N, C-alpha and C. Protein backbone atom coordinates (compact mmCIF):
# COMPACT_ATOMS: atom_id res chain seq x y z
N MET A 1 92.94 100.94 75.52
CA MET A 1 93.36 101.70 74.36
C MET A 1 92.45 101.35 73.19
N ASN A 2 91.95 102.35 72.54
CA ASN A 2 91.11 102.14 71.37
C ASN A 2 91.81 102.59 70.10
N ARG A 3 93.11 102.52 70.10
CA ARG A 3 93.83 102.93 68.90
C ARG A 3 93.81 101.80 67.88
N TRP A 4 93.69 102.16 66.64
CA TRP A 4 93.61 101.17 65.57
C TRP A 4 94.55 101.49 64.42
N TYR A 5 95.02 102.71 64.36
CA TYR A 5 95.79 103.14 63.19
C TYR A 5 97.14 102.46 63.09
N GLY A 6 97.72 102.01 64.20
CA GLY A 6 98.98 101.29 64.14
C GLY A 6 98.83 99.96 63.42
N LYS A 7 97.71 99.30 63.67
CA LYS A 7 97.45 98.03 63.00
C LYS A 7 97.30 98.22 61.49
N LEU A 8 96.53 99.25 61.12
CA LEU A 8 96.31 99.51 59.70
C LEU A 8 97.60 99.89 58.99
N LEU A 9 98.34 100.82 59.58
CA LEU A 9 99.60 101.24 58.96
C LEU A 9 100.62 100.10 58.93
N GLY A 10 100.65 99.30 59.98
CA GLY A 10 101.55 98.16 60.02
C GLY A 10 101.21 97.14 58.96
N PHE A 11 99.92 96.88 58.77
CA PHE A 11 99.49 95.93 57.75
C PHE A 11 99.90 96.41 56.36
N ILE A 12 99.63 97.68 56.07
CA ILE A 12 99.97 98.22 54.74
C ILE A 12 101.48 98.21 54.52
N ALA A 13 102.22 98.67 55.53
CA ALA A 13 103.68 98.72 55.38
C ALA A 13 104.27 97.32 55.23
N GLY A 14 103.78 96.36 56.01
CA GLY A 14 104.29 94.99 55.91
C GLY A 14 103.99 94.38 54.56
N TRP A 15 102.79 94.61 54.06
CA TRP A 15 102.41 94.06 52.75
C TRP A 15 103.29 94.66 51.65
N LEU A 16 103.48 95.99 51.72
CA LEU A 16 104.26 96.65 50.67
C LEU A 16 105.74 96.31 50.75
N LEU A 17 106.28 96.18 51.94
CA LEU A 17 107.70 95.90 52.07
C LEU A 17 108.04 94.47 51.69
N LEU A 18 107.23 93.52 52.10
CA LEU A 18 107.54 92.12 51.81
C LEU A 18 106.82 91.58 50.58
N ARG A 19 105.85 92.34 50.07
CA ARG A 19 105.10 91.97 48.87
C ARG A 19 104.51 90.55 48.97
N HIS A 20 103.97 90.29 50.16
CA HIS A 20 103.38 88.98 50.40
C HIS A 20 102.35 89.13 51.52
N PRO A 21 101.29 88.34 51.51
CA PRO A 21 100.30 88.45 52.59
C PRO A 21 100.88 88.20 53.98
N ALA A 22 101.92 87.38 54.07
CA ALA A 22 102.56 87.15 55.37
C ALA A 22 103.19 88.45 55.89
N GLY A 23 103.65 89.30 54.98
CA GLY A 23 104.20 90.59 55.39
C GLY A 23 103.12 91.46 56.01
N GLY A 24 101.91 91.38 55.46
CA GLY A 24 100.79 92.11 56.05
C GLY A 24 100.48 91.63 57.45
N LEU A 25 100.57 90.32 57.66
CA LEU A 25 100.33 89.76 58.98
C LEU A 25 101.39 90.20 59.98
N ILE A 26 102.64 90.17 59.55
CA ILE A 26 103.73 90.63 60.42
C ILE A 26 103.55 92.11 60.76
N GLY A 27 103.23 92.91 59.76
CA GLY A 27 102.98 94.33 60.00
C GLY A 27 101.80 94.56 60.91
N LEU A 28 100.76 93.75 60.77
CA LEU A 28 99.60 93.85 61.64
C LEU A 28 99.97 93.57 63.09
N LEU A 29 100.78 92.57 63.31
CA LEU A 29 101.23 92.24 64.66
C LEU A 29 102.10 93.35 65.25
N LEU A 30 102.99 93.90 64.45
CA LEU A 30 103.81 95.01 64.94
C LEU A 30 102.96 96.25 65.23
N GLY A 31 101.98 96.50 64.36
CA GLY A 31 101.08 97.63 64.60
C GLY A 31 100.28 97.45 65.87
N HIS A 32 99.84 96.23 66.14
CA HIS A 32 99.13 95.97 67.39
C HIS A 32 100.04 96.21 68.60
N ALA A 33 101.30 95.80 68.47
CA ALA A 33 102.24 96.02 69.57
C ALA A 33 102.41 97.50 69.86
N PHE A 34 102.47 98.33 68.82
CA PHE A 34 102.58 99.77 69.04
C PHE A 34 101.30 100.34 69.62
N ASP A 35 100.15 99.86 69.15
CA ASP A 35 98.88 100.34 69.68
C ASP A 35 98.70 99.98 71.15
N ALA A 36 99.22 98.84 71.55
CA ALA A 36 99.08 98.38 72.92
C ALA A 36 100.21 98.88 73.82
N ASP A 37 101.10 99.73 73.30
CA ASP A 37 102.21 100.32 74.07
C ASP A 37 103.17 99.27 74.62
N TRP A 38 103.42 98.22 73.85
CA TRP A 38 104.37 97.22 74.30
C TRP A 38 105.80 97.75 74.30
N PHE A 39 106.07 98.73 73.48
CA PHE A 39 107.44 99.24 73.34
C PHE A 39 107.72 100.43 74.24
N ARG A 40 106.74 100.87 74.97
CA ARG A 40 106.94 101.98 75.90
C ARG A 40 107.61 101.43 77.15
N GLY A 41 108.48 102.21 77.72
CA GLY A 41 109.18 101.78 78.92
C GLY A 41 108.21 101.62 80.09
N PRO A 42 108.67 100.99 81.15
CA PRO A 42 107.78 100.79 82.28
C PRO A 42 107.43 102.12 82.94
N ARG A 43 106.18 102.25 83.28
CA ARG A 43 105.74 103.47 83.94
C ARG A 43 106.06 103.41 85.43
N GLU A 44 106.29 104.57 85.97
CA GLU A 44 106.52 104.67 87.40
C GLU A 44 105.21 104.37 88.12
N ASN A 45 105.30 103.67 89.21
CA ASN A 45 104.12 103.37 90.01
C ASN A 45 103.62 104.67 90.63
N PRO A 46 102.42 105.14 90.26
CA PRO A 46 101.96 106.44 90.76
C PRO A 46 101.73 106.45 92.26
N TRP A 47 101.37 105.30 92.83
CA TRP A 47 101.15 105.28 94.27
C TRP A 47 102.48 105.41 95.02
N ARG A 48 103.54 104.87 94.47
CA ARG A 48 104.85 104.98 95.11
C ARG A 48 105.33 106.43 95.11
N VAL A 49 105.01 107.16 94.04
CA VAL A 49 105.41 108.57 93.97
C VAL A 49 104.78 109.36 95.10
N LEU A 50 103.52 109.03 95.42
CA LEU A 50 102.81 109.73 96.50
C LEU A 50 103.07 109.11 97.86
N GLY A 51 103.82 108.01 97.91
CA GLY A 51 104.13 107.37 99.17
C GLY A 51 102.98 106.56 99.73
N LEU A 52 102.17 105.97 98.87
CA LEU A 52 100.99 105.21 99.28
C LEU A 52 101.03 103.81 98.69
N THR A 53 100.06 102.99 99.09
CA THR A 53 99.86 101.70 98.46
C THR A 53 98.65 101.82 97.53
N ASP A 54 98.45 100.82 96.68
CA ASP A 54 97.33 100.89 95.75
C ASP A 54 95.98 100.67 96.43
N GLU A 55 96.00 100.34 97.70
CA GLU A 55 94.76 100.16 98.46
C GLU A 55 94.34 101.42 99.20
N ALA A 56 95.05 102.53 98.99
CA ALA A 56 94.73 103.77 99.68
C ALA A 56 93.39 104.32 99.19
N SER A 57 92.67 104.95 100.10
CA SER A 57 91.38 105.52 99.75
C SER A 57 91.58 106.83 99.00
N ASP A 58 90.49 107.34 98.44
CA ASP A 58 90.56 108.62 97.73
C ASP A 58 90.97 109.75 98.65
N ALA A 59 90.49 109.72 99.87
CA ALA A 59 90.85 110.77 100.83
C ALA A 59 92.34 110.73 101.14
N GLU A 60 92.90 109.53 101.29
CA GLU A 60 94.34 109.41 101.55
C GLU A 60 95.16 109.88 100.36
N VAL A 61 94.69 109.59 99.15
CA VAL A 61 95.39 110.04 97.95
C VAL A 61 95.38 111.56 97.88
N ASP A 62 94.21 112.16 98.13
CA ASP A 62 94.11 113.62 98.10
C ASP A 62 95.00 114.26 99.16
N LEU A 63 95.01 113.69 100.35
CA LEU A 63 95.83 114.23 101.43
C LEU A 63 97.32 114.15 101.11
N ALA A 64 97.75 113.00 100.58
CA ALA A 64 99.17 112.84 100.23
C ALA A 64 99.55 113.79 99.10
N TYR A 65 98.66 113.96 98.13
CA TYR A 65 98.94 114.88 97.02
C TYR A 65 99.09 116.30 97.54
N ARG A 66 98.16 116.75 98.36
CA ARG A 66 98.23 118.13 98.89
C ARG A 66 99.48 118.35 99.72
N ARG A 67 99.83 117.35 100.54
CA ARG A 67 101.01 117.47 101.39
C ARG A 67 102.28 117.59 100.53
N LEU A 68 102.40 116.75 99.52
CA LEU A 68 103.61 116.77 98.69
C LEU A 68 103.67 117.99 97.78
N ILE A 69 102.53 118.39 97.22
CA ILE A 69 102.58 119.51 96.28
C ILE A 69 102.85 120.82 97.02
N THR A 70 102.39 120.95 98.26
CA THR A 70 102.73 122.16 99.01
C THR A 70 104.21 122.16 99.39
N GLN A 71 104.79 121.00 99.56
CA GLN A 71 106.21 120.91 99.89
C GLN A 71 107.09 121.21 98.69
N TYR A 72 106.70 120.77 97.49
CA TYR A 72 107.56 120.88 96.31
C TYR A 72 107.09 121.91 95.29
N HIS A 73 106.06 122.66 95.57
CA HIS A 73 105.57 123.62 94.58
C HIS A 73 106.62 124.70 94.36
N PRO A 74 106.91 125.03 93.11
CA PRO A 74 107.98 126.00 92.82
C PRO A 74 107.69 127.40 93.38
N ASP A 75 106.45 127.79 93.52
CA ASP A 75 106.15 129.11 94.07
C ASP A 75 106.50 129.21 95.55
N LYS A 76 106.54 128.10 96.24
CA LYS A 76 106.92 128.09 97.65
C LYS A 76 108.43 128.26 97.82
N LEU A 77 109.18 127.99 96.76
CA LEU A 77 110.64 128.04 96.82
C LEU A 77 111.18 129.21 96.01
N SER A 78 110.64 130.39 96.24
CA SER A 78 111.02 131.53 95.41
C SER A 78 112.42 132.07 95.72
N GLY A 79 112.92 131.87 96.92
CA GLY A 79 114.21 132.44 97.28
C GLY A 79 115.37 131.47 97.28
N VAL A 80 115.25 130.34 96.64
CA VAL A 80 116.31 129.34 96.66
C VAL A 80 117.11 129.37 95.36
N ALA A 81 118.16 128.59 95.33
CA ALA A 81 119.02 128.53 94.15
C ALA A 81 118.26 127.95 92.95
N ASP A 82 118.74 128.30 91.76
CA ASP A 82 118.07 127.87 90.53
C ASP A 82 118.04 126.34 90.38
N GLU A 83 119.13 125.69 90.75
CA GLU A 83 119.19 124.23 90.62
C GLU A 83 118.16 123.56 91.53
N LEU A 84 118.04 124.04 92.74
CA LEU A 84 117.04 123.48 93.67
C LEU A 84 115.63 123.76 93.18
N ARG A 85 115.43 124.93 92.61
CA ARG A 85 114.11 125.27 92.07
C ARG A 85 113.75 124.35 90.89
N ARG A 86 114.72 124.07 90.01
CA ARG A 86 114.47 123.17 88.88
C ARG A 86 114.14 121.76 89.36
N GLN A 87 114.84 121.31 90.39
CA GLN A 87 114.55 119.99 90.94
C GLN A 87 113.15 119.94 91.55
N ALA A 88 112.75 121.02 92.21
CA ALA A 88 111.40 121.08 92.79
C ALA A 88 110.34 121.11 91.70
N GLU A 89 110.61 121.82 90.61
CA GLU A 89 109.65 121.84 89.49
C GLU A 89 109.50 120.45 88.88
N ALA A 90 110.61 119.74 88.72
CA ALA A 90 110.54 118.38 88.17
C ALA A 90 109.78 117.45 89.11
N ARG A 91 110.02 117.58 90.39
CA ARG A 91 109.31 116.74 91.36
C ARG A 91 107.82 117.09 91.39
N ALA A 92 107.48 118.37 91.27
CA ALA A 92 106.07 118.78 91.25
C ALA A 92 105.38 118.24 90.00
N ARG A 93 106.07 118.24 88.85
CA ARG A 93 105.49 117.64 87.64
C ARG A 93 105.25 116.14 87.83
N GLU A 94 106.20 115.48 88.47
CA GLU A 94 106.07 114.05 88.73
C GLU A 94 104.89 113.77 89.67
N ILE A 95 104.73 114.58 90.69
CA ILE A 95 103.62 114.42 91.63
C ILE A 95 102.29 114.66 90.93
N ASN A 96 102.21 115.71 90.12
CA ASN A 96 100.97 115.99 89.39
C ASN A 96 100.63 114.86 88.42
N ALA A 97 101.63 114.33 87.72
CA ALA A 97 101.38 113.24 86.79
C ALA A 97 100.91 111.99 87.52
N ALA A 98 101.49 111.70 88.67
CA ALA A 98 101.08 110.53 89.45
C ALA A 98 99.65 110.69 89.95
N TYR A 99 99.32 111.89 90.42
CA TYR A 99 97.96 112.15 90.91
C TYR A 99 96.94 112.02 89.78
N ASP A 100 97.27 112.57 88.63
CA ASP A 100 96.37 112.45 87.47
C ASP A 100 96.21 111.00 87.05
N ARG A 101 97.29 110.25 87.08
CA ARG A 101 97.23 108.83 86.69
C ARG A 101 96.34 108.04 87.66
N ILE A 102 96.48 108.30 88.95
CA ILE A 102 95.65 107.60 89.94
C ILE A 102 94.19 107.96 89.74
N LYS A 103 93.89 109.23 89.51
CA LYS A 103 92.51 109.64 89.30
C LYS A 103 91.93 108.99 88.05
N THR A 104 92.74 108.88 87.00
CA THR A 104 92.28 108.24 85.76
C THR A 104 92.01 106.75 86.00
N LEU A 105 92.90 106.10 86.74
CA LEU A 105 92.71 104.68 87.03
C LEU A 105 91.49 104.44 87.91
N ARG A 106 91.22 105.35 88.83
CA ARG A 106 90.07 105.20 89.72
C ARG A 106 88.75 105.41 88.99
N LYS A 107 88.76 106.22 87.93
CA LYS A 107 87.53 106.43 87.17
C LYS A 107 87.09 105.19 86.43
N ARG A 108 88.06 104.36 86.04
CA ARG A 108 87.74 103.13 85.31
C ARG A 108 87.13 102.19 86.25
């Protein structure tokens, strides 16, 4: 993460609220915590969503993604009940997000 604005805003807010340099330091630490996503909930393991381990090859990831997305794609479920279609759409979004996350992690 190359975010810096949380640190700056935290420093300014801490200094102004506590009217002391220690307040700036506390705000700087809180801003760093927000920049580093310490307060975000735990992310779902993207490999678990696709039914793989983190040691899977790119070919295995692509194969698992294609298999799952063809199974849960909303266009494949055109004649089913609305509730089932909504669940399939949510699962397809989850699969797409996991695949994108794995691809992003592999690029690094």
